[in-house]
């Protein structure tokens, strides 16, 4: 489709609030706020309508690897390499609680009751990697449940954690390409399967948690049925995929990636050629791209209302793109469209 990414059409807002590479961007449930975090220790919140920065959350002493905002945009959780997870007031930016861990915290996710949340932390010295579940209404900042991820032959770290529908299970992606399903009550592994040959960088659900998409360093992104964990589609690219999202309003997938940051200088990547790629969810075909970043894209998020999307990259910028009319009005091709259709 020629319109997506053609110069002068989708003019993005350039959100300059971070000094280091972006690690995660996320919208709140209502889609009016955009949260971003980077390796500079200070997460920011922006108004998604116009890219205005509303404030920052100051207090971490290490890279922020993940963040999650609750259903009513009241509390924000941030997971950091300083071995803590903090809970903030979205309104005031005040740190309400600090949850210490034994190693760098890699991921965090609210449960659907907005009371509990789960984190994953990396192994540190004698401590194994752990999944921890906390209750924010408890007086203690100790986890109510800890699940050990034991060392195997090779050290495996968890890269992402999410609750499945109605908090039934915890879905954890690993850096060896496996996906595990844990029971949050007993801590047992309910299911485990190999999704990718290399590290899974990110795993994202759609809004109603019926589908999830993985992004991997093996140059592919895969769509799964979240109920029976069946593999549905594969989106192939020519470079590592760092993040992928499912559009809520259209049958489209947005992919972001690029070579590893350390090998960028050795390749002939032209200026600003790191693009977000648009794929058809059903046909697995790439139909457009949006260029602009000066480094690999590390994080992508799409507004639940389908009107805009944000991408954050190694260059430290978040680009907030509002879709133009031609994209919003665009009809997806239907293979049977040339057959005559009765109006009755």
C-alpha atoms as a PDB file:
ATOM      1  CA  UNK A   1       0.000   0.000   0.000  1.00  0.00           C
ATOM      2  CA  UNK A   2       1.784   3.167  -1.111  1.00  0.00           C
ATOM      3  CA  UNK A   3       0.424   5.563   1.481  1.00  0.00           C
ATOM      4  CA  UNK A   4       1.919   4.067   4.614  1.00  0.00           C
ATOM      5  CA  UNK A   5       5.318   5.624   5.046  1.00  0.00           C
ATOM      6  CA  UNK A   6       5.185   7.927   2.060  1.00  0.00           C
ATOM      7  CA  UNK A   7       6.888  11.182   2.957  1.00  0.00           C
ATOM      8  CA  UNK A   8       4.787  14.013   4.259  1.00  0.00           C
ATOM      9  CA  UNK A   9       1.724  11.983   5.101  1.00  0.00           C
ATOM     10  CA  UNK A  10       1.949  10.373   8.535  1.00  0.00           C
ATOM     11  CA  UNK A  11       3.930  13.046  10.350  1.00  0.00           C
ATOM     12  CA  UNK A  12       4.995  11.619  13.693  1.00  0.00           C
ATOM     13  CA  UNK A  13       5.436  13.445  16.960  1.00  0.00           C
ATOM     14  CA  UNK A  14       9.020  13.021  18.094  1.00  0.00           C
ATOM     15  CA  UNK A  15       8.955  12.490  21.856  1.00  0.00           C
ATOM     16  CA  UNK A  16      12.315  13.571  23.251  1.00  0.00           C
ATOM     17  CA  UNK A  17      12.379  12.710  26.909  1.00  0.00           C
ATOM     18  CA  UNK A  18      14.980   9.990  27.214  1.00  0.00           C
ATOM     19  CA  UNK A  19      18.752  10.059  27.000  1.00  0.00           C
ATOM     20  CA  UNK A  20      19.350   6.351  26.438  1.00  0.00           C
ATOM     21  CA  UNK A  21      17.847   3.567  24.298  1.00  0.00           C
ATOM     22  CA  UNK A  22      14.110   2.985  24.773  1.00  0.00           C
ATOM     23  CA  UNK A  23      13.229  -0.387  26.326  1.00  0.00           C
ATOM     24  CA  UNK A  24       9.416  -0.314  26.445  1.00  0.00           C
ATOM     25  CA  UNK A  25       6.419   1.799  25.341  1.00  0.00           C
ATOM     26  CA  UNK A  26       2.867   1.072  26.483  1.00  0.00           C
ATOM     27  CA  UNK A  27      -0.557   2.688  26.299  1.00  0.00           C
ATOM     28  CA  UNK A  28      -2.964   2.616  29.200  1.00  0.00           C
ATOM     29  CA  UNK A  29      -6.281   0.780  28.827  1.00  0.00           C
ATOM     30  CA  UNK A  30      -8.155   3.906  27.711  1.00  0.00           C
ATOM     31  CA  UNK A  31      -5.489   4.861  25.193  1.00  0.00           C
ATOM     32  CA  UNK A  32      -5.152   8.488  26.330  1.00  0.00           C
ATOM     33  CA  UNK A  33      -1.771   8.015  28.033  1.00  0.00           C
ATOM     34  CA  UNK A  34       1.470   6.602  26.694  1.00  0.00           C
ATOM     35  CA  UNK A  35       4.172   5.343  29.061  1.00  0.00           C
ATOM     36  CA  UNK A  36       7.784   4.982  27.971  1.00  0.00           C
ATOM     37  CA  UNK A  37      10.899   3.717  29.693  1.00  0.00           C
ATOM     38  CA  UNK A  38      14.532   3.535  28.737  1.00  0.00           C
ATOM     39  CA  UNK A  39      17.981   2.720  30.050  1.00  0.00           C
ATOM     40  CA  UNK A  40      18.195   6.187  31.617  1.00  0.00           C
ATOM     41  CA  UNK A  41      16.289   5.134  34.785  1.00  0.00           C
ATOM     42  CA  UNK A  42      13.402   7.627  34.462  1.00  0.00           C
ATOM     43  CA  UNK A  43      10.095   6.446  32.947  1.00  0.00           C
ATOM     44  CA  UNK A  44       7.891   9.123  31.370  1.00  0.00           C
ATOM     45  CA  UNK A  45       4.186   9.527  30.695  1.00  0.00           C
ATOM     46  CA  UNK A  46       2.853  11.363  27.631  1.00  0.00           C
ATOM     47  CA  UNK A  47      -0.517  12.443  26.331  1.00  0.00           C
ATOM     48  CA  UNK A  48      -1.140  10.229  23.303  1.00  0.00           C
ATOM     49  CA  UNK A  49      -3.289  12.827  21.557  1.00  0.00           C
ATOM     50  CA  UNK A  50      -0.511  15.376  21.036  1.00  0.00           C
ATOM     51  CA  UNK A  51       2.720  13.952  22.462  1.00  0.00           C
ATOM     52  CA  UNK A  52       2.845  16.349  25.413  1.00  0.00           C
ATOM     53  CA  UNK A  53       4.926  15.061  28.308  1.00  0.00           C
ATOM     54  CA  UNK A  54       2.861  14.994  31.487  1.00  0.00           C
ATOM     55  CA  UNK A  55       5.565  13.910  33.901  1.00  0.00           C
ATOM     56  CA  UNK A  56       8.248  11.491  35.000  1.00  0.00           C
ATOM     57  CA  UNK A  57       8.626   8.852  37.701  1.00  0.00           C
ATOM     58  CA  UNK A  58      11.908   9.479  39.535  1.00  0.00           C
ATOM     59  CA  UNK A  59      13.509   7.017  41.907  1.00  0.00           C
ATOM     60  CA  UNK A  60      15.059   4.029  40.117  1.00  0.00           C
ATOM     61  CA  UNK A  61      18.819   3.537  39.992  1.00  0.00           C
ATOM     62  CA  UNK A  62      19.030   1.248  36.977  1.00  0.00           C
ATOM     63  CA  UNK A  63      17.614   0.496  33.543  1.00  0.00           C
ATOM     64  CA  UNK A  64      13.838   0.116  33.433  1.00  0.00           C
ATOM     65  CA  UNK A  65      13.152  -3.139  31.586  1.00  0.00           C
ATOM     66  CA  UNK A  66       9.367  -3.197  31.735  1.00  0.00           C
ATOM     67  CA  UNK A  67       6.334  -1.313  32.989  1.00  0.00           C
ATOM     68  CA  UNK A  68       2.602  -1.892  33.276  1.00  0.00           C
ATOM     69  CA  UNK A  69      -0.300   0.427  34.012  1.00  0.00           C
ATOM     70  CA  UNK A  70      -3.423  -0.906  35.711  1.00  0.00           C
ATOM     71  CA  UNK A  71      -6.913  -1.014  34.224  1.00  0.00           C
ATOM     72  CA  UNK A  72      -8.013   2.361  35.643  1.00  0.00           C
ATOM     73  CA  UNK A  73      -4.728   4.259  35.118  1.00  0.00           C
ATOM     74  CA  UNK A  74      -4.327   4.644  38.863  1.00  0.00           C
ATOM     75  CA  UNK A  75      -1.083   2.778  39.498  1.00  0.00           C
ATOM     76  CA  UNK A  76       1.991   2.165  37.370  1.00  0.00           C
ATOM     77  CA  UNK A  77       4.450  -0.665  37.991  1.00  0.00           C
ATOM     78  CA  UNK A  78       8.054  -0.432  36.814  1.00  0.00           C
ATOM     79  CA  UNK A  79      10.586  -3.284  36.713  1.00  0.00           C
ATOM     80  CA  UNK A  80      14.205  -2.263  36.942  1.00  0.00           C
ATOM     81  CA  UNK A  81      17.743  -3.623  36.782  1.00  0.00           C
ATOM     82  CA  UNK A  82      18.333  -2.098  40.235  1.00  0.00           C
ATOM     83  CA  UNK A  83      16.582  -5.263  41.564  1.00  0.00           C
ATOM     84  CA  UNK A  84      13.381  -3.471  42.552  1.00  0.00           C
ATOM     85  CA  UNK A  85       9.872  -3.129  41.257  1.00  0.00           C
ATOM     86  CA  UNK A  86       8.149   0.116  42.197  1.00  0.00           C
ATOM     87  CA  UNK A  87       4.490   1.095  42.275  1.00  0.00           C
ATOM     88  CA  UNK A  88       3.707   4.708  41.396  1.00  0.00           C
ATOM     89  CA  UNK A  89       0.677   6.938  41.423  1.00  0.00           C
ATOM     90  CA  UNK A  90      -0.058   7.774  37.780  1.00  0.00           C
ATOM     91  CA  UNK A  91      -1.577  11.089  38.815  1.00  0.00           C
ATOM     92  CA  UNK A  92       1.135  12.494  41.071  1.00  0.00           C
ATOM     93  CA  UNK A  93       4.231  10.494  40.053  1.00  0.00           C
ATOM     94  CA  UNK A  94       4.808   9.619  43.706  1.00  0.00           C
ATOM     95  CA  UNK A  95       6.386   6.233  44.526  1.00  0.00           C
ATOM     96  CA  UNK A  96       3.823   4.410  46.674  1.00  0.00           C
ATOM     97  CA  UNK A  97       5.594   1.108  47.285  1.00  0.00           C
ATOM     98  CA  UNK A  98       8.958  -0.488  46.654  1.00  0.00           C
ATOM     99  CA  UNK A  99       9.198  -4.255  46.111  1.00  0.00           C
ATOM    100  CA  UNK A 100      12.809  -5.500  46.488  1.00  0.00           C
ATOM    101  CA  UNK A 101      13.975  -8.533  44.467  1.00  0.00           C
ATOM    102  CA  UNK A 102      17.138 -10.632  44.525  1.00  0.00           C
ATOM    103  CA  UNK A 103      18.185  -9.913  40.959  1.00  0.00           C
ATOM    104  CA  UNK A 104      17.436  -7.499  38.111  1.00  0.00           C
ATOM    105  CA  UNK A 105      13.681  -7.400  37.424  1.00  0.00           C
ATOM    106  CA  UNK A 106      13.052  -8.197  33.780  1.00  0.00           C
ATOM    107  CA  UNK A 107       9.260  -8.045  33.468  1.00  0.00           C
ATOM    108  CA  UNK A 108       6.111  -7.048  35.336  1.00  0.00           C
ATOM    109  CA  UNK A 109       2.390  -7.534  34.720  1.00  0.00           C
ATOM    110  CA  UNK A 110      -0.811  -6.624  36.545  1.00  0.00           C
ATOM    111  CA  UNK A 111      -3.339  -9.366  37.108  1.00  0.00           C
ATOM    112  CA  UNK A 112      -6.846  -8.628  35.898  1.00  0.00           C
ATOM    113  CA  UNK A 113      -8.057  -7.949  39.462  1.00  0.00           C
ATOM    114  CA  UNK A 114      -5.637  -4.966  39.737  1.00  0.00           C
ATOM    115  CA  UNK A 115      -4.686  -6.298  43.156  1.00  0.00           C
ATOM    116  CA  UNK A 116      -1.972  -8.780  42.361  1.00  0.00           C
ATOM    117  CA  UNK A 117       0.916  -8.510  39.977  1.00  0.00           C
ATOM    118  CA  UNK A 118       3.684 -10.826  38.835  1.00  0.00           C
ATOM    119  CA  UNK A 119       7.346 -10.122  38.119  1.00  0.00           C
ATOM    120  CA  UNK A 120      10.251 -12.075  36.659  1.00  0.00           C
ATOM    121  CA  UNK A 121      13.774 -11.534  37.934  1.00  0.00           C
ATOM    122  CA  UNK A 122      17.101 -12.691  36.539  1.00  0.00           C
ATOM    123  CA  UNK A 123      19.406 -15.046  38.431  1.00  0.00           C
ATOM    124  CA  UNK A 124      21.928 -13.300  40.658  1.00  0.00           C
ATOM    125  CA  UNK A 125      24.917 -14.976  42.364  1.00  0.00           C
ATOM    126  CA  UNK A 126      23.390 -17.990  44.208  1.00  0.00           C
ATOM    127  CA  UNK A 127      19.774 -17.099  43.530  1.00  0.00           C
ATOM    128  CA  UNK A 128      17.914 -18.654  40.613  1.00  0.00           C
ATOM    129  CA  UNK A 129      15.681 -16.682  38.294  1.00  0.00           C
ATOM    130  CA  UNK A 130      12.278 -16.254  39.935  1.00  0.00           C
ATOM    131  CA  UNK A 131       8.656 -15.504  39.218  1.00  0.00           C
ATOM    132  CA  UNK A 132       7.213 -13.511  42.116  1.00  0.00           C
ATOM    133  CA  UNK A 133       3.560 -12.706  42.767  1.00  0.00           C
ATOM    134  CA  UNK A 134       2.699  -9.742  44.996  1.00  0.00           C
ATOM    135  CA  UNK A 135      -0.494  -8.403  46.518  1.00  0.00           C
ATOM    136  CA  UNK A 136      -0.630  -4.591  46.726  1.00  0.00           C
ATOM    137  CA  UNK A 137      -3.181  -4.694  49.572  1.00  0.00           C
ATOM    138  CA  UNK A 138      -0.848  -6.688  51.768  1.00  0.00           C
ATOM    139  CA  UNK A 139       1.090  -4.704  54.406  1.00  0.00           C
ATOM    140  CA  UNK A 140       4.262  -6.562  53.503  1.00  0.00           C
ATOM    141  CA  UNK A 141       6.319  -5.976  50.346  1.00  0.00           C
ATOM    142  CA  UNK A 142       7.284  -9.659  50.335  1.00  0.00           C
ATOM    143  CA  UNK A 143       5.812 -11.793  47.537  1.00  0.00           C
ATOM    144  CA  UNK A 144       2.782 -13.941  48.372  1.00  0.00           C
ATOM    145  CA  UNK A 145       4.171 -16.624  46.046  1.00  0.00           C
ATOM    146  CA  UNK A 146       7.609 -17.321  44.582  1.00  0.00           C
ATOM    147  CA  UNK A 147       8.221 -19.754  41.744  1.00  0.00           C
ATOM    148  CA  UNK A 148      11.785 -20.828  41.117  1.00  0.00           C
ATOM    149  CA  UNK A 149      13.081 -21.101  37.546  1.00  0.00           C
ATOM    150  CA  UNK A 150      15.882 -23.616  38.129  1.00  0.00           C
ATOM    151  CA  UNK A 151      19.135 -23.574  36.188  1.00  0.00           C
ATOM    152  CA  UNK A 152      19.227 -26.080  33.379  1.00  0.00           C
ATOM    153  CA  UNK A 153      22.303 -27.227  31.478  1.00  0.00           C
ATOM    154  CA  UNK A 154      22.564 -23.709  30.132  1.00  0.00           C
ATOM    155  CA  UNK A 155      21.356 -20.707  32.102  1.00  0.00           C
ATOM    156  CA  UNK A 156      17.928 -19.667  30.870  1.00  0.00           C
ATOM    157  CA  UNK A 157      16.388 -16.335  31.687  1.00  0.00           C
ATOM    158  CA  UNK A 158      12.766 -15.328  31.393  1.00  0.00           C
ATOM    159  CA  UNK A 159      12.211 -12.379  29.070  1.00  0.00           C
ATOM    160  CA  UNK A 160       8.525 -11.597  29.485  1.00  0.00           C
ATOM    161  CA  UNK A 161       5.577 -12.358  31.754  1.00  0.00           C
ATOM    162  CA  UNK A 162       1.816 -11.959  31.282  1.00  0.00           C
ATOM    163  CA  UNK A 163      -1.356 -13.271  32.911  1.00  0.00           C
ATOM    164  CA  UNK A 164      -3.694 -15.189  30.654  1.00  0.00           C
ATOM    165  CA  UNK A 165      -7.445 -14.547  30.539  1.00  0.00           C
ATOM    166  CA  UNK A 166      -9.076 -14.306  34.011  1.00  0.00           C
ATOM    167  CA  UNK A 167      -5.654 -14.817  35.669  1.00  0.00           C
ATOM    168  CA  UNK A 168      -5.816 -18.522  34.942  1.00  0.00           C
ATOM    169  CA  UNK A 169      -2.122 -18.943  34.155  1.00  0.00           C
ATOM    170  CA  UNK A 170       1.133 -17.033  33.892  1.00  0.00           C
ATOM    171  CA  UNK A 171       2.622 -17.078  30.408  1.00  0.00           C
ATOM    172  CA  UNK A 172       6.405 -16.699  30.473  1.00  0.00           C
ATOM    173  CA  UNK A 173       8.693 -16.428  27.440  1.00  0.00           C
ATOM    174  CA  UNK A 174      12.310 -17.531  27.734  1.00  0.00           C
ATOM    175  CA  UNK A 175      15.551 -16.559  26.051  1.00  0.00           C
ATOM    176  CA  UNK A 176      16.018 -20.121  24.734  1.00  0.00           C
ATOM    177  CA  UNK A 177      12.910 -19.813  22.547  1.00  0.00           C
ATOM    178  CA  UNK A 178      10.546 -21.685  24.851  1.00  0.00           C
ATOM    179  CA  UNK A 179       7.216 -20.501  26.225  1.00  0.00           C
ATOM    180  CA  UNK A 180       6.048 -21.787  29.589  1.00  0.00           C
ATOM    181  CA  UNK A 181       2.629 -21.748  31.196  1.00  0.00           C
ATOM    182  CA  UNK A 182       2.671 -21.676  35.005  1.00  0.00           C
ATOM    183  CA  UNK A 183      -0.148 -22.205  37.461  1.00  0.00           C
ATOM    184  CA  UNK A 184      -0.073 -19.067  39.693  1.00  0.00           C
ATOM    185  CA  UNK A 185      -1.533 -20.968  42.673  1.00  0.00           C
ATOM    186  CA  UNK A 186       0.709 -24.037  42.761  1.00  0.00           C
ATOM    187  CA  UNK A 187       3.698 -22.763  40.782  1.00  0.00           C
ATOM    188  CA  UNK A 188       3.740 -25.880  38.602  1.00  0.00           C
ATOM    189  CA  UNK A 189       4.572 -25.773  34.880  1.00  0.00           C
ATOM    190  CA  UNK A 190       1.309 -26.633  33.116  1.00  0.00           C
ATOM    191  CA  UNK A 191       2.702 -26.505  29.598  1.00  0.00           C
ATOM    192  CA  UNK A 192       5.976 -25.832  27.836  1.00  0.00           C
ATOM    193  CA  UNK A 193       6.718 -25.670  24.129  1.00  0.00           C
ATOM    194  CA  UNK A 194       9.388 -24.400  21.797  1.00  0.00           C
ATOM    195  CA  UNK A 195       8.119 -21.395  19.853  1.00  0.00           C
ATOM    196  CA  UNK A 196      11.376 -20.101  18.368  1.00  0.00           C
ATOM    197  CA  UNK A 197      14.916 -21.267  17.730  1.00  0.00           C
ATOM    198  CA  UNK A 198      16.434 -18.187  19.348  1.00  0.00           C
ATOM    199  CA  UNK A 199      15.587 -15.742  22.122  1.00  0.00           C
ATOM    200  CA  UNK A 200      12.010 -14.489  22.409  1.00  0.00           C
ATOM    201  CA  UNK A 201      12.360 -10.736  22.847  1.00  0.00           C
ATOM    202  CA  UNK A 202       8.743  -9.858  23.598  1.00  0.00           C
ATOM    203  CA  UNK A 203       5.337 -11.461  23.903  1.00  0.00           C
ATOM    204  CA  UNK A 204       2.179  -9.362  23.586  1.00  0.00           C
ATOM    205  CA  UNK A 205      -1.511 -10.191  23.878  1.00  0.00           C
ATOM    206  CA  UNK A 206      -4.369  -8.528  22.076  1.00  0.00           C
ATOM    207  CA  UNK A 207      -6.820  -6.643  24.286  1.00  0.00           C
ATOM    208  CA  UNK A 208      -9.271  -9.475  24.972  1.00  0.00           C
ATOM    209  CA  UNK A 209      -6.446 -12.006  25.416  1.00  0.00           C
ATOM    210  CA  UNK A 210      -7.572 -14.423  22.712  1.00  0.00           C
ATOM    211  CA  UNK A 211      -4.353 -14.124  20.695  1.00  0.00           C
ATOM    212  CA  UNK A 212      -0.731 -13.418  21.475  1.00  0.00           C
ATOM    213  CA  UNK A 213       2.239 -12.615  19.295  1.00  0.00           C
ATOM    214  CA  UNK A 214       5.896 -13.380  19.910  1.00  0.00           C
ATOM    215  CA  UNK A 215       8.918 -11.531  18.507  1.00  0.00           C
ATOM    216  CA  UNK A 216      12.189 -13.337  18.249  1.00  0.00           C
ATOM    217  CA  UNK A 217      15.841 -12.938  17.352  1.00  0.00           C
ATOM    218  CA  UNK A 218      15.353 -15.728  14.765  1.00  0.00           C
ATOM    219  CA  UNK A 219      13.924 -13.091  12.347  1.00  0.00           C
ATOM    220  CA  UNK A 220      10.306 -14.216  12.801  1.00  0.00           C
ATOM    221  CA  UNK A 221       7.231 -13.241  14.716  1.00  0.00           C
ATOM    222  CA  UNK A 222       4.528 -15.823  15.460  1.00  0.00           C
ATOM    223  CA  UNK A 223       0.842 -15.550  16.214  1.00  0.00           C
ATOM    224  CA  UNK A 224      -0.686 -18.025  18.681  1.00  0.00           C
ATOM    225  CA  UNK A 225      -4.164 -18.847  19.901  1.00  0.00           C
ATOM    226  CA  UNK A 226      -4.043 -17.935  23.586  1.00  0.00           C
ATOM    227  CA  UNK A 227      -6.620 -20.564  24.579  1.00  0.00           C
ATOM    228  CA  UNK A 228      -5.153 -23.760  23.148  1.00  0.00           C
ATOM    229  CA  UNK A 229      -1.639 -22.373  22.415  1.00  0.00           C
ATOM    230  CA  UNK A 230      -1.940 -23.398  18.783  1.00  0.00           C
ATOM    231  CA  UNK A 231       0.466 -21.749  16.351  1.00  0.00           C
ATOM    232  CA  UNK A 232      -1.573 -19.824  13.760  1.00  0.00           C
ATOM    233  CA  UNK A 233       0.678 -17.598  11.628  1.00  0.00           C
ATOM    234  CA  UNK A 234       4.331 -16.713  11.064  1.00  0.00           C
ATOM    235  CA  UNK A 235       5.594 -13.306   9.897  1.00  0.00           C
ATOM    236  CA  UNK A 236       9.065 -13.531   8.378  1.00  0.00           C
ATOM    237  CA  UNK A 237      11.558 -10.666   8.114  1.00  0.00           C
ATOM    238  CA  UNK A 238      15.249 -10.305   7.326  1.00  0.00           C
ATOM    239  CA  UNK A 239      16.399  -9.068  10.728  1.00  0.00           C
ATOM    240  CA  UNK A 240      15.790  -9.764  14.427  1.00  0.00           C
ATOM    241  CA  UNK A 241      12.285  -8.795  15.587  1.00  0.00           C
ATOM    242  CA  UNK A 242      12.343  -6.915  18.893  1.00  0.00           C
ATOM    243  CA  UNK A 243       8.648  -6.259  19.335  1.00  0.00           C
ATOM    244  CA  UNK A 244       5.351  -6.908  17.587  1.00  0.00           C
ATOM    245  CA  UNK A 245       1.776  -5.863  18.302  1.00  0.00           C
ATOM    246  CA  UNK A 246      -1.669  -6.923  17.132  1.00  0.00           C
ATOM    247  CA  UNK A 247      -3.876  -4.072  15.940  1.00  0.00           C
ATOM    248  CA  UNK A 248      -7.221  -3.941  17.745  1.00  0.00           C
ATOM    249  CA  UNK A 249      -9.203  -2.336  14.944  1.00  0.00           C
ATOM    250  CA  UNK A 250      -7.763  -3.978  11.830  1.00  0.00           C
ATOM    251  CA  UNK A 251      -6.358  -7.384  10.925  1.00  0.00           C
ATOM    252  CA  UNK A 252      -2.853  -5.979  10.930  1.00  0.00           C
ATOM    253  CA  UNK A 253       0.382  -6.771  12.744  1.00  0.00           C
ATOM    254  CA  UNK A 254       3.070  -4.149  13.413  1.00  0.00           C
ATOM    255  CA  UNK A 255       6.664  -5.384  13.682  1.00  0.00           C
ATOM    256  CA  UNK A 256       9.752  -3.527  14.812  1.00  0.00           C
ATOM    257  CA  UNK A 257      13.348  -4.602  14.980  1.00  0.00           C
ATOM    258  CA  UNK A 258      16.762  -4.320  13.401  1.00  0.00           C
ATOM    259  CA  UNK A 259      20.213  -5.717  13.862  1.00  0.00           C
ATOM    260  CA  UNK A 260      21.618  -5.856  17.343  1.00  0.00           C
ATOM    261  CA  UNK A 261      22.728  -2.441  18.539  1.00  0.00           C
ATOM    262  CA  UNK A 262      26.389  -3.428  18.586  1.00  0.00           C
ATOM    263  CA  UNK A 263      26.419  -4.553  14.941  1.00  0.00           C
ATOM    264  CA  UNK A 264      24.572  -1.544  13.532  1.00  0.00           C
ATOM    265  CA  UNK A 265      27.702   0.440  12.758  1.00  0.00           C
ATOM    266  CA  UNK A 266      29.206  -2.418  10.791  1.00  0.00           C
ATOM    267  CA  UNK A 267      26.285  -2.683   8.375  1.00  0.00           C
ATOM    268  CA  UNK A 268      25.306  -0.272   5.651  1.00  0.00           C
ATOM    269  CA  UNK A 269      22.049   0.816   7.292  1.00  0.00           C
ATOM    270  CA  UNK A 270      21.085   4.067   5.621  1.00  0.00           C
ATOM    271  CA  UNK A 271      20.102   6.990   7.811  1.00  0.00           C
ATOM    272  CA  UNK A 272      16.696   6.637   9.412  1.00  0.00           C
ATOM    273  CA  UNK A 273      16.016   3.344   7.674  1.00  0.00           C
ATOM    274  CA  UNK A 274      14.867   1.401  10.696  1.00  0.00           C
ATOM    275  CA  UNK A 275      11.241   0.836   9.937  1.00  0.00           C
ATOM    276  CA  UNK A 276       8.064  -0.416  11.501  1.00  0.00           C
ATOM    277  CA  UNK A 277       6.685  -3.080   9.198  1.00  0.00           C
ATOM    278  CA  UNK A 278       2.988  -3.623   8.627  1.00  0.00           C
ATOM    279  CA  UNK A 279       1.789  -7.177   7.936  1.00  0.00           C
ATOM    280  CA  UNK A 280      -1.616  -8.639   7.169  1.00  0.00           C
ATOM    281  CA  UNK A 281      -2.615 -10.732  10.144  1.00  0.00           C
ATOM    282  CA  UNK A 282      -4.285 -13.377   7.981  1.00  0.00           C
ATOM    283  CA  UNK A 283      -2.233 -13.418   4.781  1.00  0.00           C
ATOM    284  CA  UNK A 284       1.176 -13.015   6.469  1.00  0.00           C
ATOM    285  CA  UNK A 285       2.170 -10.497   3.767  1.00  0.00           C
ATOM    286  CA  UNK A 286       4.016  -7.252   4.375  1.00  0.00           C
ATOM    287  CA  UNK A 287       2.098  -4.371   2.806  1.00  0.00           C
ATOM    288  CA  UNK A 288       3.825  -1.246   4.114  1.00  0.00           C
ATOM    289  CA  UNK A 289       6.424   0.268   6.372  1.00  0.00           C
ATOM    290  CA  UNK A 290       7.099   3.481   8.257  1.00  0.00           C
ATOM    291  CA  UNK A 291      10.702   4.647   8.407  1.00  0.00           C
ATOM    292  CA  UNK A 292      12.289   7.228  10.639  1.00  0.00           C
ATOM    293  CA  UNK A 293      14.303   5.775  13.504  1.00  0.00           C
ATOM    294  CA  UNK A 294      18.104   5.975  13.615  1.00  0.00           C
ATOM    295  CA  UNK A 295      18.552   2.679  15.429  1.00  0.00           C
ATOM    296  CA  UNK A 296      16.823  -0.682  15.835  1.00  0.00           C
ATOM    297  CA  UNK A 297      13.252  -0.427  17.125  1.00  0.00           C
ATOM    298  CA  UNK A 298      13.089  -1.948  20.601  1.00  0.00           C
ATOM    299  CA  UNK A 299       9.444  -1.398  21.467  1.00  0.00           C
ATOM    300  CA  UNK A 300       6.119  -0.888  19.717  1.00  0.00           C
ATOM    301  CA  UNK A 301       2.640  -0.212  21.072  1.00  0.00           C
ATOM    302  CA  UNK A 302      -0.642   0.499  19.321  1.00  0.00           C
ATOM    303  CA  UNK A 303      -3.452   2.541  20.837  1.00  0.00           C
ATOM    304  CA  UNK A 304      -6.468   0.373  21.782  1.00  0.00           C
ATOM    305  CA  UNK A 305      -8.630   2.752  19.714  1.00  0.00           C
ATOM    306  CA  UNK A 306      -6.507   2.018  16.637  1.00  0.00           C
ATOM    307  CA  UNK A 307      -5.894   5.701  15.857  1.00  0.00           C
ATOM    308  CA  UNK A 308      -2.165   5.911  16.581  1.00  0.00           C
ATOM    309  CA  UNK A 309       0.885   3.862  17.428  1.00  0.00           C
ATOM    310  CA  UNK A 310       4.203   4.526  19.124  1.00  0.00           C
ATOM    311  CA  UNK A 311       7.648   3.090  18.509  1.00  0.00           C
ATOM    312  CA  UNK A 312      10.745   3.454  20.675  1.00  0.00           C
ATOM    313  CA  UNK A 313      14.248   2.713  19.455  1.00  0.00           C
ATOM    314  CA  UNK A 314      17.897   2.430  20.284  1.00  0.00           C
ATOM    315  CA  UNK A 315      18.272   6.104  19.287  1.00  0.00           C
ATOM    316  CA  UNK A 316      16.463   7.189  22.481  1.00  0.00           C
ATOM    317  CA  UNK A 317      13.435   8.665  20.692  1.00  0.00           C
ATOM    318  CA  UNK A 318       9.809   7.648  20.888  1.00  0.00           C
ATOM    319  CA  UNK A 319       7.922   8.382  17.677  1.00  0.00           C
ATOM    320  CA  UNK A 320       4.179   8.786  18.047  1.00  0.00           C
ATOM    321  CA  UNK A 321       2.425   8.230  14.731  1.00  0.00           C
ATOM    322  CA  UNK A 322      -1.194   9.185  14.163  1.00  0.00           C
ATOM    323  CA  UNK A 323      -2.616   7.116  11.336  1.00  0.00           C
ATOM    324  CA  UNK A 324      -3.772   9.140   8.376  1.00  0.00           C
ATOM    325  CA  UNK A 325      -7.234   8.888   6.821  1.00  0.00           C
ATOM    326  CA  UNK A 326      -6.081   6.699   3.955  1.00  0.00           C
ATOM    327  CA  UNK A 327      -4.837   4.027   6.376  1.00  0.00           C
ATOM    328  CA  UNK A 328      -7.929   4.188   8.582  1.00  0.00           C
ATOM    329  CA  UNK A 329     -10.247   3.944   5.550  1.00  0.00           C
ATOM    330  CA  UNK A 330      -8.169   1.271   3.886  1.00  0.00           C
ATOM    331  CA  UNK A 331     -10.080  -1.912   3.133  1.00  0.00           C
ATOM    332  CA  UNK A 332      -8.293  -5.210   3.497  1.00  0.00           C
ATOM    333  CA  UNK A 333      -8.318  -7.290   0.338  1.00  0.00           C
ATOM    334  CA  UNK A 334     -10.774 -10.179   0.334  1.00  0.00           C
ATOM    335  CA  UNK A 335      -9.734 -12.923  -2.089  1.00  0.00           C
ATOM    336  CA  UNK A 336     -13.327 -13.742  -3.054  1.00  0.00           C
ATOM    337  CA  UNK A 337     -14.238 -10.118  -3.760  1.00  0.00           C
ATOM    338  CA  UNK A 338     -14.452 -10.567  -7.526  1.00  0.00           C
ATOM    339  CA  UNK A 339     -17.315 -13.056  -7.258  1.00  0.00           C
ATOM    340  CA  UNK A 340     -20.769 -11.501  -7.665  1.00  0.00           C
ATOM    341  CA  UNK A 341     -22.436 -10.885  -4.316  1.00  0.00           C
ATOM    342  CA  UNK A 342     -26.195 -10.911  -3.833  1.00  0.00           C
ATOM    343  CA  UNK A 343     -27.517  -7.931  -1.882  1.00  0.00           C
ATOM    344  CA  UNK A 344     -30.318  -9.881  -0.214  1.00  0.00           C
END
